[in-house]
Structures are given as structure tokens and as C-alpha cells.
């Protein structure tokens, strides 16, 4: 996963979020988002597991979504 310098989780403060974490925020919350959740905080927000979110990322990649690496 490619890390994006300067982007951090607005909840826990995790720094250098991955491109996939940022892509998932944009895909599932807001395409114009400028603040992001890390994978763990996003899972808490949606009340799912991180494994389910990782599977969703793979699903979006398979569909050809350019937000994911």
C-alpha cells in the first residue's frame, strides 16, 4: 500500500494514511473529503471489521476504481 504523507486520521491521529485508506474514505463517505479516518476508525464508524473493509477495497479494485492502488 502506498502511504500518503501528511494525511492523518481525524479520530486517532495515525499519520501517513495509505492511498487505499484515503480512497475508501472518498468512495464510502465523500468524494471531496479533506479529512480522513484510518482503517480501524473507519471500521468502528461503519460497525464492521477491518477485514470486511479490506475485502471491500479488493472489490473496488476488481471493478477498476482508480482510487485504489
PDB file of N, CA and C in Angstrom:
ATOM      1  N   UNK A   1       0.829  -1.179   0.000  1.00  0.00           N
ATOM      2  CA  UNK A   1       0.000   0.000   0.000  1.00  0.00           C
ATOM      3  C   UNK A   1       0.873   1.243   0.000  1.00  0.00           C
ATOM      4  N   UNK A   2       0.570   2.163  -0.849  1.00  0.00           N
ATOM      5  CA  UNK A   2       1.291   3.423  -0.912  1.00  0.00           C
ATOM      6  C   UNK A   2       0.808   4.332   0.226  1.00  0.00           C
ATOM      7  N   UNK A   3       1.773   4.940   0.952  1.00  0.00           N
ATOM      8  CA  UNK A   3       1.434   5.856   2.031  1.00  0.00           C
ATOM      9  C   UNK A   3       1.373   7.275   1.499  1.00  0.00           C
ATOM     10  N   UNK A   4       0.482   8.058   2.066  1.00  0.00           N
ATOM     11  CA  UNK A   4       0.325   9.436   1.645  1.00  0.00           C
ATOM     12  C   UNK A   4       0.788  10.331   2.791  1.00  0.00           C
ATOM     13  N   UNK A   5       1.929  10.985   2.601  1.00  0.00           N
ATOM     14  CA  UNK A   5       2.493  11.844   3.643  1.00  0.00           C
ATOM     15  C   UNK A   5       1.562  13.002   3.944  1.00  0.00           C
ATOM     16  N   UNK A   6       1.477  13.340   5.221  1.00  0.00           N
ATOM     17  CA  UNK A   6       0.696  14.496   5.626  1.00  0.00           C
ATOM     18  C   UNK A   6      -0.762  14.205   5.917  1.00  0.00           C
ATOM     19  N   UNK A   7      -1.288  13.086   5.480  1.00  0.00           N
ATOM     20  CA  UNK A   7      -2.679  12.750   5.763  1.00  0.00           C
ATOM     21  C   UNK A   7      -2.723  11.926   7.036  1.00  0.00           C
ATOM     22  N   UNK A   8      -3.565  12.374   7.979  1.00  0.00           N
ATOM     23  CA  UNK A   8      -3.679  11.623   9.220  1.00  0.00           C
ATOM     24  C   UNK A   8      -5.135  11.438   9.603  1.00  0.00           C
ATOM     25  N   UNK A   9      -5.370  10.437  10.427  1.00  0.00           N
ATOM     26  CA  UNK A   9      -6.724  10.119  10.877  1.00  0.00           C
ATOM     27  C   UNK A   9      -7.233  11.227  11.791  1.00  0.00           C
ATOM     28  N   UNK A  10      -8.440  11.698  11.523  1.00  0.00           N
ATOM     29  CA  UNK A  10      -9.018  12.774  12.328  1.00  0.00           C
ATOM     30  C   UNK A  10      -9.495  12.279  13.688  1.00  0.00           C
ATOM     31  N   UNK A  11      -9.563  10.966  13.892  1.00  0.00           N
ATOM     32  CA  UNK A  11     -10.008  10.421  15.178  1.00  0.00           C
ATOM     33  C   UNK A  11      -8.814  10.063  16.071  1.00  0.00           C
ATOM     34  N   UNK A  12      -7.962   9.157  15.606  1.00  0.00           N
ATOM     35  CA  UNK A  12      -6.873   8.647  16.457  1.00  0.00           C
ATOM     36  C   UNK A  12      -5.526   9.320  16.204  1.00  0.00           C
ATOM     37  N   UNK A  13      -5.424  10.054  15.092  1.00  0.00           N
ATOM     38  CA  UNK A  13      -4.185  10.762  14.791  1.00  0.00           C
ATOM     39  C   UNK A  13      -3.133   9.956  14.058  1.00  0.00           C
ATOM     40  N   UNK A  14      -3.460   8.725  13.644  1.00  0.00           N
ATOM     41  CA  UNK A  14      -2.499   7.923  12.873  1.00  0.00           C
ATOM     42  C   UNK A  14      -2.043   8.737  11.669  1.00  0.00           C
ATOM     43  N   UNK A  15      -0.725   8.780  11.460  1.00  0.00           N
ATOM     44  CA  UNK A  15      -0.175   9.582  10.366  1.00  0.00           C
ATOM     45  C   UNK A  15       0.126   8.740   9.139  1.00  0.00           C
ATOM     46  N   UNK A  16       0.304   9.430   8.008  1.00  0.00           N
ATOM     47  CA  UNK A  16       0.672   8.812   6.741  1.00  0.00           C
ATOM     48  C   UNK A  16      -0.293   7.699   6.334  1.00  0.00           C
ATOM     49  N   UNK A  17      -1.550   8.057   6.208  1.00  0.00           N
ATOM     50  CA  UNK A  17      -2.556   7.083   5.776  1.00  0.00           C
ATOM     51  C   UNK A  17      -2.226   6.580   4.379  1.00  0.00           C
ATOM     52  N   UNK A  18      -2.606   5.344   4.107  1.00  0.00           N
ATOM     53  CA  UNK A  18      -2.332   4.759   2.797  1.00  0.00           C
ATOM     54  C   UNK A  18      -3.298   5.305   1.752  1.00  0.00           C
ATOM     55  N   UNK A  19      -2.912   5.152   0.500  1.00  0.00           N
ATOM     56  CA  UNK A  19      -3.781   5.569  -0.606  1.00  0.00           C
ATOM     57  C   UNK A  19      -5.103   4.808  -0.542  1.00  0.00           C
ATOM     58  N   UNK A  20      -5.050   3.551  -0.135  1.00  0.00           N
ATOM     59  CA  UNK A  20      -6.278   2.759  -0.034  1.00  0.00           C
ATOM     60  C   UNK A  20      -7.190   3.266   1.083  1.00  0.00           C
ATOM     61  N   UNK A  21      -6.607   3.694   2.211  1.00  0.00           N
ATOM     62  CA  UNK A  21      -7.420   4.257   3.286  1.00  0.00           C
ATOM     63  C   UNK A  21      -8.095   5.542   2.823  1.00  0.00           C
ATOM     64  N   UNK A  22      -7.354   6.399   2.158  1.00  0.00           N
ATOM     65  CA  UNK A  22      -7.917   7.651   1.651  1.00  0.00           C
ATOM     66  C   UNK A  22      -8.965   7.369   0.579  1.00  0.00           C
ATOM     67  N   UNK A  23      -8.676   6.420  -0.313  1.00  0.00           N
ATOM     68  CA  UNK A  23      -9.638   6.047  -1.350  1.00  0.00           C
ATOM     69  C   UNK A  23     -10.939   5.531  -0.773  1.00  0.00           C
ATOM     70  N   UNK A  24     -10.840   4.729   0.285  1.00  0.00           N
ATOM     71  CA  UNK A  24     -12.039   4.176   0.909  1.00  0.00           C
ATOM     72  C   UNK A  24     -12.881   5.290   1.541  1.00  0.00           C
ATOM     73  N   UNK A  25     -12.230   6.252   2.172  1.00  0.00           N
ATOM     74  CA  UNK A  25     -12.943   7.409   2.725  1.00  0.00           C
ATOM     75  C   UNK A  25     -13.685   8.146   1.616  1.00  0.00           C
ATOM     76  N   UNK A  26     -13.005   8.381   0.503  1.00  0.00           N
ATOM     77  CA  UNK A  26     -13.613   9.117  -0.606  1.00  0.00           C
ATOM     78  C   UNK A  26     -14.736   8.316  -1.259  1.00  0.00           C
ATOM     79  N   UNK A  27     -14.554   7.016  -1.374  1.00  0.00           N
ATOM     80  CA  UNK A  27     -15.563   6.161  -2.016  1.00  0.00           C
ATOM     81  C   UNK A  27     -16.805   6.004  -1.131  1.00  0.00           C
ATOM     82  N   UNK A  28     -16.604   5.841   0.177  1.00  0.00           N
ATOM     83  CA  UNK A  28     -17.723   5.494   1.050  1.00  0.00           C
ATOM     84  C   UNK A  28     -18.311   6.675   1.827  1.00  0.00           C
ATOM     85  N   UNK A  29     -17.546   7.760   1.960  1.00  0.00           N
ATOM     86  CA  UNK A  29     -18.044   8.891   2.750  1.00  0.00           C
ATOM     87  C   UNK A  29     -18.293  10.134   1.912  1.00  0.00           C
ATOM     88  N   UNK A  30     -17.230  10.586   1.219  1.00  0.00           N
ATOM     89  CA  UNK A  30     -17.355  11.850   0.494  1.00  0.00           C
ATOM     90  C   UNK A  30     -16.229  11.951  -0.535  1.00  0.00           C
ATOM     91  N   UNK A  31     -16.554  12.022  -1.817  1.00  0.00           N
ATOM     92  CA  UNK A  31     -15.517  12.105  -2.846  1.00  0.00           C
ATOM     93  C   UNK A  31     -14.622  13.339  -2.734  1.00  0.00           C
ATOM     94  N   UNK A  32     -15.101  14.373  -2.056  1.00  0.00           N
ATOM     95  CA  UNK A  32     -14.329  15.604  -1.912  1.00  0.00           C
ATOM     96  C   UNK A  32     -13.736  15.749  -0.509  1.00  0.00           C
ATOM     97  N   UNK A  33     -13.655  14.652   0.224  1.00  0.00           N
ATOM     98  CA  UNK A  33     -13.159  14.690   1.608  1.00  0.00           C
ATOM     99  C   UNK A  33     -11.746  15.250   1.685  1.00  0.00           C
ATOM    100  N   UNK A  34     -11.496  16.005   2.736  1.00  0.00           N
ATOM    101  CA  UNK A  34     -10.154  16.519   3.009  1.00  0.00           C
ATOM    102  C   UNK A  34      -9.665  16.051   4.372  1.00  0.00           C
ATOM    103  N   UNK A  35     -10.561  15.466   5.172  1.00  0.00           N
ATOM    104  CA  UNK A  35     -10.205  14.847   6.438  1.00  0.00           C
ATOM    105  C   UNK A  35     -10.588  13.383   6.346  1.00  0.00           C
ATOM    106  N   UNK A  36      -9.752  12.524   6.955  1.00  0.00           N
ATOM    107  CA  UNK A  36      -9.907  11.099   6.735  1.00  0.00           C
ATOM    108  C   UNK A  36      -9.867  10.290   8.022  1.00  0.00           C
ATOM    109  N   UNK A  37     -10.392   9.061   7.957  1.00  0.00           N
ATOM    110  CA  UNK A  37     -10.303   8.070   9.025  1.00  0.00           C
ATOM    111  C   UNK A  37      -9.293   7.004   8.600  1.00  0.00           C
ATOM    112  N   UNK A  38      -8.547   6.461   9.567  1.00  0.00           N
ATOM    113  CA  UNK A  38      -7.714   5.291   9.271  1.00  0.00           C
ATOM    114  C   UNK A  38      -8.648   4.077   9.135  1.00  0.00           C
ATOM    115  N   UNK A  39      -8.102   2.958   8.734  1.00  0.00           N
ATOM    116  CA  UNK A  39      -8.912   1.762   8.504  1.00  0.00           C
ATOM    117  C   UNK A  39      -9.626   1.320   9.781  1.00  0.00           C
ATOM    118  N   UNK A  40      -8.922   1.352  10.917  1.00  0.00           N
ATOM    119  CA  UNK A  40      -9.540   0.929  12.181  1.00  0.00           C
ATOM    120  C   UNK A  40     -10.685   1.846  12.590  1.00  0.00           C
ATOM    121  N   UNK A  41     -10.481   3.154  12.497  1.00  0.00           N
ATOM    122  CA  UNK A  41     -11.533   4.107  12.868  1.00  0.00           C
ATOM    123  C   UNK A  41     -12.694   4.065  11.884  1.00  0.00           C
ATOM    124  N   UNK A  42     -12.411   3.837  10.608  1.00  0.00           N
ATOM    125  CA  UNK A  42     -13.473   3.709   9.610  1.00  0.00           C
ATOM    126  C   UNK A  42     -14.312   2.457   9.891  1.00  0.00           C
ATOM    127  N   UNK A  43     -13.656   1.378  10.296  1.00  0.00           N
ATOM    128  CA  UNK A  43     -14.378   0.151  10.655  1.00  0.00           C
ATOM    129  C   UNK A  43     -15.293   0.413  11.852  1.00  0.00           C
ATOM    130  N   UNK A  44     -14.793   1.135  12.853  1.00  0.00           N
ATOM    131  CA  UNK A  44     -15.629   1.488  14.005  1.00  0.00           C
ATOM    132  C   UNK A  44     -16.822   2.337  13.562  1.00  0.00           C
ATOM    133  N   UNK A  45     -16.573   3.297  12.689  1.00  0.00           N
ATOM    134  CA  UNK A  45     -17.626   4.188  12.199  1.00  0.00           C
ATOM    135  C   UNK A  45     -18.751   3.403  11.520  1.00  0.00           C
ATOM    136  N   UNK A  46     -18.377   2.439  10.673  1.00  0.00           N
ATOM    137  CA  UNK A  46     -19.367   1.648   9.936  1.00  0.00           C
ATOM    138  C   UNK A  46     -19.825   0.400  10.701  1.00  0.00           C
ATOM    139  N   UNK A  47     -19.223   0.164  11.883  1.00  0.00           N
ATOM    140  CA  UNK A  47     -19.549  -1.004  12.708  1.00  0.00           C
ATOM    141  C   UNK A  47     -19.334  -2.309  11.944  1.00  0.00           C
ATOM    142  N   UNK A  48     -18.162  -2.393  11.301  1.00  0.00           N
ATOM    143  CA  UNK A  48     -17.736  -3.602  10.589  1.00  0.00           C
ATOM    144  C   UNK A  48     -16.293  -3.905  11.010  1.00  0.00           C
ATOM    145  N   UNK A  49     -15.747  -5.007  10.522  1.00  0.00           N
ATOM    146  CA  UNK A  49     -14.361  -5.343  10.836  1.00  0.00           C
ATOM    147  C   UNK A  49     -13.433  -4.742   9.784  1.00  0.00           C
ATOM    148  N   UNK A  50     -12.159  -4.621  10.147  1.00  0.00           N
ATOM    149  CA  UNK A  50     -11.183  -4.131   9.171  1.00  0.00           C
ATOM    150  C   UNK A  50     -11.055  -5.120   8.018  1.00  0.00           C
ATOM    151  N   UNK A  51     -11.235  -6.408   8.312  1.00  0.00           N
ATOM    152  CA  UNK A  51     -11.170  -7.422   7.255  1.00  0.00           C
ATOM    153  C   UNK A  51     -12.268  -7.206   6.223  1.00  0.00           C
ATOM    154  N   UNK A  52     -13.446  -6.817   6.680  1.00  0.00           N
ATOM    155  CA  UNK A  52     -14.544  -6.543   5.746  1.00  0.00           C
ATOM    156  C   UNK A  52     -14.217  -5.330   4.872  1.00  0.00           C
ATOM    157  N   UNK A  53     -13.587  -4.316   5.460  1.00  0.00           N
ATOM    158  CA  UNK A  53     -13.199  -3.145   4.670  1.00  0.00           C
ATOM    159  C   UNK A  53     -12.101  -3.493   3.676  1.00  0.00           C
ATOM    160  N   UNK A  54     -11.146  -4.327   4.081  1.00  0.00           N
ATOM    161  CA  UNK A  54     -10.094  -4.754   3.157  1.00  0.00           C
ATOM    162  C   UNK A  54     -10.688  -5.535   1.990  1.00  0.00           C
ATOM    163  N   UNK A  55     -11.686  -6.360   2.270  1.00  0.00           N
ATOM    164  CA  UNK A  55     -12.369  -7.097   1.200  1.00  0.00           C
ATOM    165  C   UNK A  55     -13.089  -6.124   0.265  1.00  0.00           C
ATOM    166  N   UNK A  56     -13.670  -5.072   0.833  1.00  0.00           N
ATOM    167  CA  UNK A  56     -14.366  -4.070   0.018  1.00  0.00           C
ATOM    168  C   UNK A  56     -13.375  -3.338  -0.888  1.00  0.00           C
ATOM    169  N   UNK A  57     -12.178  -3.045  -0.356  1.00  0.00           N
ATOM    170  CA  UNK A  57     -11.136  -2.412  -1.172  1.00  0.00           C
ATOM    171  C   UNK A  57     -10.798  -3.299  -2.361  1.00  0.00           C
ATOM    172  N   UNK A  58     -10.622  -4.591  -2.120  1.00  0.00           N
ATOM    173  CA  UNK A  58     -10.309  -5.530  -3.204  1.00  0.00           C
ATOM    174  C   UNK A  58     -11.439  -5.583  -4.226  1.00  0.00           C
ATOM    175  N   UNK A  59     -12.670  -5.508  -3.744  1.00  0.00           N
ATOM    176  CA  UNK A  59     -13.838  -5.494  -4.628  1.00  0.00           C
ATOM    177  C   UNK A  59     -13.812  -4.243  -5.519  1.00  0.00           C
ATOM    178  N   UNK A  60     -13.538  -3.088  -4.929  1.00  0.00           N
ATOM    179  CA  UNK A  60     -13.469  -1.846  -5.700  1.00  0.00           C
ATOM    180  C   UNK A  60     -12.327  -1.890  -6.717  1.00  0.00           C
ATOM    181  N   UNK A  61     -11.192  -2.469  -6.317  1.00  0.00           N
ATOM    182  CA  UNK A  61     -10.052  -2.618  -7.248  1.00  0.00           C
ATOM    183  C   UNK A  61     -10.453  -3.479  -8.436  1.00  0.00           C
ATOM    184  N   UNK A  62     -11.142  -4.584  -8.153  1.00  0.00           N
ATOM    185  CA  UNK A  62     -11.560  -5.503  -9.213  1.00  0.00           C
ATOM    186  C   UNK A  62     -12.534  -4.825 -10.183  1.00  0.00           C
ATOM    187  N   UNK A  63     -13.280  -3.850  -9.677  1.00  0.00           N
ATOM    188  CA  UNK A  63     -14.213  -3.099 -10.527  1.00  0.00           C
ATOM    189  C   UNK A  63     -13.486  -2.031 -11.344  1.00  0.00           C
ATOM    190  N   UNK A  64     -12.191  -1.829 -11.048  1.00  0.00           N
ATOM    191  CA  UNK A  64     -11.411  -0.867 -11.795  1.00  0.00           C
ATOM    192  C   UNK A  64     -11.397   0.547 -11.221  1.00  0.00           C
ATOM    193  N   UNK A  65     -11.830   0.691  -9.973  1.00  0.00           N
ATOM    194  CA  UNK A  65     -11.852   2.011  -9.347  1.00  0.00           C
ATOM    195  C   UNK A  65     -10.438   2.553  -9.213  1.00  0.00           C
ATOM    196  N   UNK A  66     -10.200   3.760  -9.679  1.00  0.00           N
ATOM    197  CA  UNK A  66      -8.880   4.388  -9.703  1.00  0.00           C
ATOM    198  C   UNK A  66      -8.459   4.972  -8.349  1.00  0.00           C
ATOM    199  N   UNK A  67      -9.344   4.941  -7.351  1.00  0.00           N
ATOM    200  CA  UNK A  67      -8.992   5.466  -6.043  1.00  0.00           C
ATOM    201  C   UNK A  67      -8.064   4.543  -5.256  1.00  0.00           C
ATOM    202  N   UNK A  68      -7.882   3.329  -5.739  1.00  0.00           N
ATOM    203  CA  UNK A  68      -7.122   2.323  -5.009  1.00  0.00           C
ATOM    204  C   UNK A  68      -5.908   1.869  -5.780  1.00  0.00           C
ATOM    205  N   UNK A  69      -4.840   1.497  -5.012  1.00  0.00           N
ATOM    206  CA  UNK A  69      -3.605   1.065  -5.685  1.00  0.00           C
ATOM    207  C   UNK A  69      -3.449  -0.442  -5.620  1.00  0.00           C
TER     208      UNK A  69
END
